[in-house]
Amino acid sequence: PQHGGADCEGEDTETRTCNSHPCPISGGWGDFGDFSECTVACGGGEQTRTRKCDTPLPQHGGVDCEGEDRETRDCNPDTCPRKILDCETKLMKESSIYGDYNWPKTDKGTYAKIQCD
């Protein structure tokens, strides 16, 4: 105030809310899990692993993750031994009738499955 004028009355600022809606959050891939067991013990099989679009989850109009949620790789490409007598898929025991062939073990400690042609 000048020349004996009075101070202003009331607040000198005013606040109001704007842009109160949540911002879009685009999805992000989580880590891939472990590969599955090989589908066969010999003769060529596949293993797969998956991941989720949850790091973070897409929200409020954000875009989904781009790319694949599944990976596949080849496994156990060696030719199966010709001594297999029973061609049904089954778990092998260590003391097998199939000789000294080194049957592959799964990560659970059991023997892998056999697939016969």
N, C-alpha and C. Protein backbone atom coordinates (compact mmCIF):
# COMPACT_ATOMS: atom_id res chain seq x y z
N PRO A 1 0.83 -1.18 0.00
CA PRO A 1 0.00 0.00 0.00
C PRO A 1 0.88 1.25 0.00
N GLN A 2 0.44 2.24 -0.68
CA GLN A 2 1.17 3.51 -0.75
C GLN A 2 0.27 4.65 -0.27
N HIS A 3 0.91 5.69 0.18
CA HIS A 3 0.25 6.93 0.56
C HIS A 3 -0.87 6.71 1.55
N GLY A 4 -0.61 5.85 2.52
CA GLY A 4 -1.58 5.63 3.60
C GLY A 4 -2.70 4.69 3.25
N GLY A 5 -2.57 3.98 2.11
CA GLY A 5 -3.62 3.04 1.74
C GLY A 5 -3.62 1.81 2.65
N ALA A 6 -4.71 1.12 2.69
CA ALA A 6 -4.86 -0.07 3.54
C ALA A 6 -4.30 -1.30 2.84
N ASP A 7 -3.89 -2.26 3.70
CA ASP A 7 -3.46 -3.55 3.14
C ASP A 7 -4.64 -4.23 2.47
N CYS A 8 -4.32 -5.07 1.52
CA CYS A 8 -5.36 -5.86 0.84
C CYS A 8 -5.95 -6.86 1.82
N GLU A 9 -7.19 -7.19 1.65
CA GLU A 9 -7.83 -8.20 2.48
C GLU A 9 -7.99 -9.48 1.68
N GLY A 10 -7.95 -10.63 2.39
CA GLY A 10 -8.14 -11.93 1.75
C GLY A 10 -6.82 -12.58 1.36
N GLU A 11 -6.94 -13.75 0.80
CA GLU A 11 -5.76 -14.54 0.42
C GLU A 11 -5.13 -13.98 -0.85
N ASP A 12 -3.83 -14.13 -0.96
CA ASP A 12 -3.14 -13.65 -2.15
C ASP A 12 -2.94 -14.75 -3.20
N THR A 13 -3.32 -16.03 -2.86
CA THR A 13 -3.22 -17.12 -3.83
C THR A 13 -4.49 -17.97 -3.76
N GLU A 14 -4.78 -18.62 -4.86
CA GLU A 14 -5.92 -19.54 -4.93
C GLU A 14 -5.42 -20.84 -5.56
N THR A 15 -5.82 -21.96 -5.00
CA THR A 15 -5.40 -23.28 -5.51
C THR A 15 -6.64 -24.08 -5.89
N ARG A 16 -6.55 -24.76 -7.01
CA ARG A 16 -7.63 -25.67 -7.39
C ARG A 16 -7.03 -26.92 -8.02
N THR A 17 -7.72 -28.02 -7.93
CA THR A 17 -7.25 -29.31 -8.43
C THR A 17 -7.46 -29.39 -9.94
N CYS A 18 -6.47 -29.95 -10.62
CA CYS A 18 -6.61 -30.19 -12.05
C CYS A 18 -5.86 -31.48 -12.40
N ASN A 19 -6.14 -32.05 -13.54
CA ASN A 19 -5.49 -33.29 -14.00
C ASN A 19 -5.48 -34.34 -12.89
N SER A 20 -6.64 -34.57 -12.30
CA SER A 20 -6.71 -35.46 -11.16
C SER A 20 -6.85 -36.94 -11.54
N HIS A 21 -6.99 -37.24 -12.82
CA HIS A 21 -7.10 -38.64 -13.24
C HIS A 21 -5.70 -39.29 -13.23
N PRO A 22 -5.65 -40.61 -12.97
CA PRO A 22 -4.33 -41.28 -12.93
C PRO A 22 -3.67 -41.31 -14.31
N CYS A 23 -2.38 -41.22 -14.29
CA CYS A 23 -1.60 -41.27 -15.54
C CYS A 23 -1.55 -42.71 -16.05
N PRO A 24 -1.50 -42.91 -17.37
CA PRO A 24 -1.35 -44.26 -17.92
C PRO A 24 -0.03 -44.89 -17.48
N ILE A 25 -0.08 -46.18 -17.19
CA ILE A 25 1.13 -46.94 -16.84
C ILE A 25 1.24 -48.07 -17.85
N SER A 26 2.30 -48.06 -18.62
CA SER A 26 2.52 -49.13 -19.61
C SER A 26 3.08 -50.36 -18.92
N GLY A 27 2.70 -51.52 -19.45
CA GLY A 27 3.15 -52.79 -18.88
C GLY A 27 4.62 -53.05 -19.12
N GLY A 28 5.21 -53.83 -18.24
CA GLY A 28 6.61 -54.24 -18.37
C GLY A 28 6.73 -55.73 -18.09
N TRP A 29 7.60 -56.40 -18.81
CA TRP A 29 7.79 -57.84 -18.64
C TRP A 29 8.49 -58.16 -17.32
N GLY A 30 8.00 -59.19 -16.65
CA GLY A 30 8.71 -59.78 -15.53
C GLY A 30 9.78 -60.72 -16.07
N ASP A 31 10.55 -61.31 -15.19
CA ASP A 31 11.59 -62.25 -15.60
C ASP A 31 10.98 -63.54 -16.12
N PHE A 32 11.70 -64.19 -17.03
CA PHE A 32 11.30 -65.52 -17.47
C PHE A 32 11.47 -66.49 -16.32
N GLY A 33 10.58 -67.47 -16.23
CA GLY A 33 10.72 -68.54 -15.26
C GLY A 33 11.75 -69.55 -15.76
N ASP A 34 11.88 -70.64 -15.05
CA ASP A 34 12.79 -71.70 -15.46
C ASP A 34 12.23 -72.43 -16.67
N PHE A 35 13.12 -73.02 -17.45
CA PHE A 35 12.67 -73.85 -18.57
C PHE A 35 12.01 -75.11 -18.03
N SER A 36 10.99 -75.58 -18.75
CA SER A 36 10.32 -76.84 -18.39
C SER A 36 11.28 -78.00 -18.63
N GLU A 37 10.88 -79.17 -18.15
CA GLU A 37 11.66 -80.37 -18.45
C GLU A 37 11.58 -80.61 -19.95
N CYS A 38 12.59 -81.25 -20.49
CA CYS A 38 12.58 -81.59 -21.90
C CYS A 38 11.45 -82.58 -22.15
N THR A 39 10.80 -82.44 -23.29
CA THR A 39 9.66 -83.30 -23.60
C THR A 39 10.06 -84.74 -23.87
N VAL A 40 11.32 -85.00 -24.18
CA VAL A 40 11.82 -86.36 -24.42
C VAL A 40 13.23 -86.51 -23.86
N ALA A 41 13.64 -87.75 -23.63
CA ALA A 41 14.99 -88.02 -23.11
C ALA A 41 16.02 -88.05 -24.22
N CYS A 42 15.59 -88.33 -25.43
CA CYS A 42 16.52 -88.40 -26.55
C CYS A 42 15.73 -88.22 -27.84
N GLY A 43 16.42 -87.97 -28.92
CA GLY A 43 15.76 -87.84 -30.21
C GLY A 43 15.28 -86.43 -30.52
N GLY A 44 15.51 -85.49 -29.66
CA GLY A 44 15.13 -84.11 -29.93
C GLY A 44 13.78 -83.73 -29.35
N GLY A 45 13.80 -82.85 -28.39
CA GLY A 45 12.57 -82.37 -27.77
C GLY A 45 12.59 -80.87 -27.62
N GLU A 46 11.68 -80.37 -26.80
CA GLU A 46 11.58 -78.94 -26.57
C GLU A 46 11.44 -78.63 -25.09
N GLN A 47 11.92 -77.47 -24.73
CA GLN A 47 11.71 -76.91 -23.40
C GLN A 47 11.11 -75.52 -23.59
N THR A 48 10.22 -75.13 -22.71
CA THR A 48 9.63 -73.80 -22.79
C THR A 48 9.72 -73.10 -21.44
N ARG A 49 9.66 -71.79 -21.49
CA ARG A 49 9.55 -71.00 -20.28
C ARG A 49 8.69 -69.78 -20.60
N THR A 50 8.06 -69.23 -19.58
CA THR A 50 7.14 -68.13 -19.78
C THR A 50 7.46 -66.97 -18.84
N ARG A 51 6.87 -65.84 -19.16
CA ARG A 51 6.98 -64.65 -18.32
C ARG A 51 5.63 -63.93 -18.37
N LYS A 52 5.43 -63.02 -17.44
CA LYS A 52 4.17 -62.29 -17.37
C LYS A 52 4.41 -60.79 -17.55
N CYS A 53 3.40 -60.15 -18.08
CA CYS A 53 3.43 -58.70 -18.25
C CYS A 53 2.88 -58.09 -16.95
N ASP A 54 3.73 -58.07 -15.93
CA ASP A 54 3.24 -57.65 -14.61
C ASP A 54 4.24 -56.80 -13.84
N THR A 55 5.24 -56.24 -14.53
CA THR A 55 6.27 -55.47 -13.84
C THR A 55 6.47 -54.12 -14.51
N PRO A 56 5.56 -53.22 -14.45
CA PRO A 56 4.26 -53.28 -13.78
C PRO A 56 3.16 -53.79 -14.71
N LEU A 57 1.99 -54.03 -14.13
CA LEU A 57 0.81 -54.33 -14.94
C LEU A 57 0.41 -53.06 -15.69
N PRO A 58 -0.09 -53.21 -16.93
CA PRO A 58 -0.60 -52.02 -17.61
C PRO A 58 -1.85 -51.52 -16.88
N GLN A 59 -1.92 -50.21 -16.67
CA GLN A 59 -3.05 -49.62 -15.96
C GLN A 59 -3.43 -48.28 -16.57
N HIS A 60 -4.68 -47.91 -16.37
CA HIS A 60 -5.18 -46.59 -16.73
C HIS A 60 -4.93 -46.26 -18.20
N GLY A 61 -5.13 -47.23 -19.07
CA GLY A 61 -4.95 -47.00 -20.50
C GLY A 61 -3.52 -47.15 -20.99
N GLY A 62 -2.59 -47.60 -20.14
CA GLY A 62 -1.22 -47.86 -20.58
C GLY A 62 -1.18 -49.06 -21.52
N VAL A 63 -0.16 -49.13 -22.34
CA VAL A 63 -0.09 -50.20 -23.34
C VAL A 63 0.42 -51.51 -22.73
N ASP A 64 -0.01 -52.61 -23.35
CA ASP A 64 0.46 -53.94 -22.95
C ASP A 64 1.93 -54.11 -23.35
N CYS A 65 2.55 -55.12 -22.78
CA CYS A 65 3.94 -55.44 -23.13
C CYS A 65 4.02 -55.84 -24.60
N GLU A 66 5.12 -55.52 -25.23
CA GLU A 66 5.37 -55.95 -26.60
C GLU A 66 6.30 -57.14 -26.58
N GLY A 67 6.13 -58.04 -27.54
CA GLY A 67 6.99 -59.21 -27.63
C GLY A 67 6.27 -60.45 -27.13
N GLU A 68 7.01 -61.53 -27.06
CA GLU A 68 6.45 -62.84 -26.72
C GLU A 68 6.52 -63.12 -25.23
N ASP A 69 5.53 -63.85 -24.74
CA ASP A 69 5.52 -64.25 -23.33
C ASP A 69 6.09 -65.65 -23.14
N ARG A 70 6.55 -66.28 -24.23
CA ARG A 70 7.03 -67.66 -24.17
C ARG A 70 8.29 -67.81 -24.99
N GLU A 71 9.26 -68.56 -24.47
CA GLU A 71 10.47 -68.91 -25.21
C GLU A 71 10.55 -70.43 -25.29
N THR A 72 11.04 -70.91 -26.41
CA THR A 72 11.20 -72.36 -26.62
C THR A 72 12.63 -72.61 -27.08
N ARG A 73 13.19 -73.72 -26.60
CA ARG A 73 14.51 -74.11 -27.08
C ARG A 73 14.54 -75.63 -27.27
N ASP A 74 15.43 -76.08 -28.15
CA ASP A 74 15.61 -77.51 -28.39
C ASP A 74 16.39 -78.14 -27.25
N CYS A 75 16.16 -79.43 -27.03
CA CYS A 75 16.89 -80.15 -25.98
C CYS A 75 17.03 -81.63 -26.35
N ASN A 76 17.96 -82.29 -25.71
CA ASN A 76 18.23 -83.72 -25.88
C ASN A 76 18.21 -84.17 -27.35
N PRO A 77 19.11 -83.62 -28.16
CA PRO A 77 19.11 -83.93 -29.59
C PRO A 77 19.71 -85.30 -29.93
N ASP A 78 20.40 -85.94 -28.98
CA ASP A 78 21.06 -87.21 -29.29
C ASP A 78 20.06 -88.28 -29.71
N THR A 79 20.50 -89.13 -30.64
CA THR A 79 19.67 -90.23 -31.11
C THR A 79 19.38 -91.20 -29.97
N CYS A 80 18.16 -91.69 -29.91
CA CYS A 80 17.80 -92.66 -28.88
C CYS A 80 18.50 -93.99 -29.15
N PRO A 81 18.86 -94.71 -28.08
CA PRO A 81 19.46 -96.03 -28.28
C PRO A 81 18.44 -96.98 -28.89
N ARG A 82 18.93 -97.92 -29.67
CA ARG A 82 18.05 -98.86 -30.37
C ARG A 82 17.55 -99.98 -29.46
N LYS A 83 18.05 -100.07 -28.22
CA LYS A 83 17.71 -101.16 -27.33
C LYS A 83 16.40 -100.96 -26.57
N ILE A 84 15.66 -99.91 -26.88
CA ILE A 84 14.42 -99.68 -26.15
C ILE A 84 13.41 -100.75 -26.51
N LEU A 85 12.93 -101.47 -25.50
CA LEU A 85 12.02 -102.58 -25.73
C LEU A 85 10.56 -102.16 -25.65
N ASP A 86 10.25 -101.26 -24.77
CA ASP A 86 8.88 -100.83 -24.57
C ASP A 86 8.76 -99.39 -25.04
N CYS A 87 8.03 -99.17 -26.10
CA CYS A 87 8.01 -97.84 -26.71
C CYS A 87 6.92 -96.93 -26.16
N GLU A 88 6.34 -97.22 -25.03
CA GLU A 88 5.42 -96.28 -24.41
C GLU A 88 6.24 -95.27 -23.63
N THR A 89 5.76 -94.06 -23.56
CA THR A 89 6.45 -93.02 -22.78
C THR A 89 6.38 -93.42 -21.31
N LYS A 90 7.54 -93.44 -20.61
CA LYS A 90 7.56 -93.83 -19.21
C LYS A 90 8.81 -93.29 -18.54
N LEU A 91 8.84 -93.33 -17.23
CA LEU A 91 10.02 -92.93 -16.49
C LEU A 91 10.95 -94.13 -16.36
N MET A 92 12.24 -93.89 -16.51
CA MET A 92 13.22 -94.97 -16.45
C MET A 92 13.78 -95.10 -15.04
N LYS A 93 14.12 -96.28 -14.64
CA LYS A 93 14.78 -96.52 -13.36
C LYS A 93 16.28 -96.67 -13.61
N GLU A 94 17.07 -96.33 -12.61
CA GLU A 94 18.51 -96.36 -12.78
C GLU A 94 19.03 -97.74 -13.16
N SER A 95 18.50 -98.79 -12.54
CA SER A 95 18.93 -100.15 -12.89
C SER A 95 18.02 -100.64 -14.01
N SER A 96 18.25 -100.13 -15.21
CA SER A 96 17.37 -100.45 -16.32
C SER A 96 17.88 -101.65 -17.09
N ILE A 97 16.98 -102.22 -17.89
CA ILE A 97 17.35 -103.35 -18.75
C ILE A 97 17.95 -102.85 -20.05
N TYR A 98 18.15 -101.54 -20.15
CA TYR A 98 18.62 -100.97 -21.39
C TYR A 98 20.13 -100.78 -21.42
N GLY A 99 20.83 -101.44 -20.54
CA GLY A 99 22.28 -101.40 -20.59
C GLY A 99 22.86 -100.19 -19.89
N ASP A 100 24.05 -99.79 -20.34
CA ASP A 100 24.81 -98.75 -19.67
C ASP A 100 24.52 -97.36 -20.20
N TYR A 101 23.46 -97.21 -20.96
CA TYR A 101 23.13 -95.88 -21.48
C TYR A 101 22.90 -94.94 -20.30
N ASN A 102 23.46 -93.75 -20.36
CA ASN A 102 23.34 -92.76 -19.28
C ASN A 102 22.05 -91.97 -19.48
N TRP A 103 20.95 -92.46 -18.90
CA TRP A 103 19.66 -91.79 -19.06
C TRP A 103 19.70 -90.43 -18.37
N PRO A 104 19.25 -89.38 -19.04
CA PRO A 104 19.28 -88.05 -18.42
C PRO A 104 18.26 -87.93 -17.29
N LYS A 105 18.66 -87.22 -16.24
CA LYS A 105 17.76 -86.98 -15.12
C LYS A 105 17.13 -85.61 -15.26
N THR A 106 15.91 -85.47 -14.76
CA THR A 106 15.25 -84.17 -14.73
C THR A 106 15.76 -83.40 -13.53
N ASP A 107 15.35 -82.14 -13.44
CA ASP A 107 15.78 -81.34 -12.29
C ASP A 107 15.09 -81.79 -11.00
N LYS A 108 14.11 -82.69 -11.09
CA LYS A 108 13.46 -83.24 -9.91
C LYS A 108 14.13 -84.55 -9.46
N GLY A 109 15.15 -84.97 -10.18
CA GLY A 109 15.88 -86.18 -9.81
C GLY A 109 15.31 -87.45 -10.40
N THR A 110 14.20 -87.36 -11.14
CA THR A 110 13.65 -88.54 -11.81
C THR A 110 14.28 -88.64 -13.19
N TYR A 111 14.09 -89.76 -13.83
CA TYR A 111 14.64 -89.91 -15.16
C TYR A 111 13.68 -89.35 -16.19
N ALA A 112 14.24 -88.80 -17.25
CA ALA A 112 13.44 -88.13 -18.26
C ALA A 112 12.58 -89.12 -19.02
N LYS A 113 11.58 -88.61 -19.70
CA LYS A 113 10.68 -89.46 -20.45
C LYS A 113 11.32 -89.91 -21.75
N ILE A 114 10.90 -91.07 -22.22
CA ILE A 114 11.38 -91.64 -23.48
C ILE A 114 10.26 -91.52 -24.51
N GLN A 115 10.61 -91.13 -25.70
CA GLN A 115 9.62 -91.11 -26.78
C GLN A 115 10.15 -91.97 -27.91
N CYS A 116 9.38 -92.95 -28.32
CA CYS A 116 9.82 -93.86 -29.38
C CYS A 116 9.11 -93.51 -30.67
N ASP A 117 9.81 -93.74 -31.79
CA ASP A 117 9.21 -93.51 -33.09
C ASP A 117 8.36 -94.67 -33.50
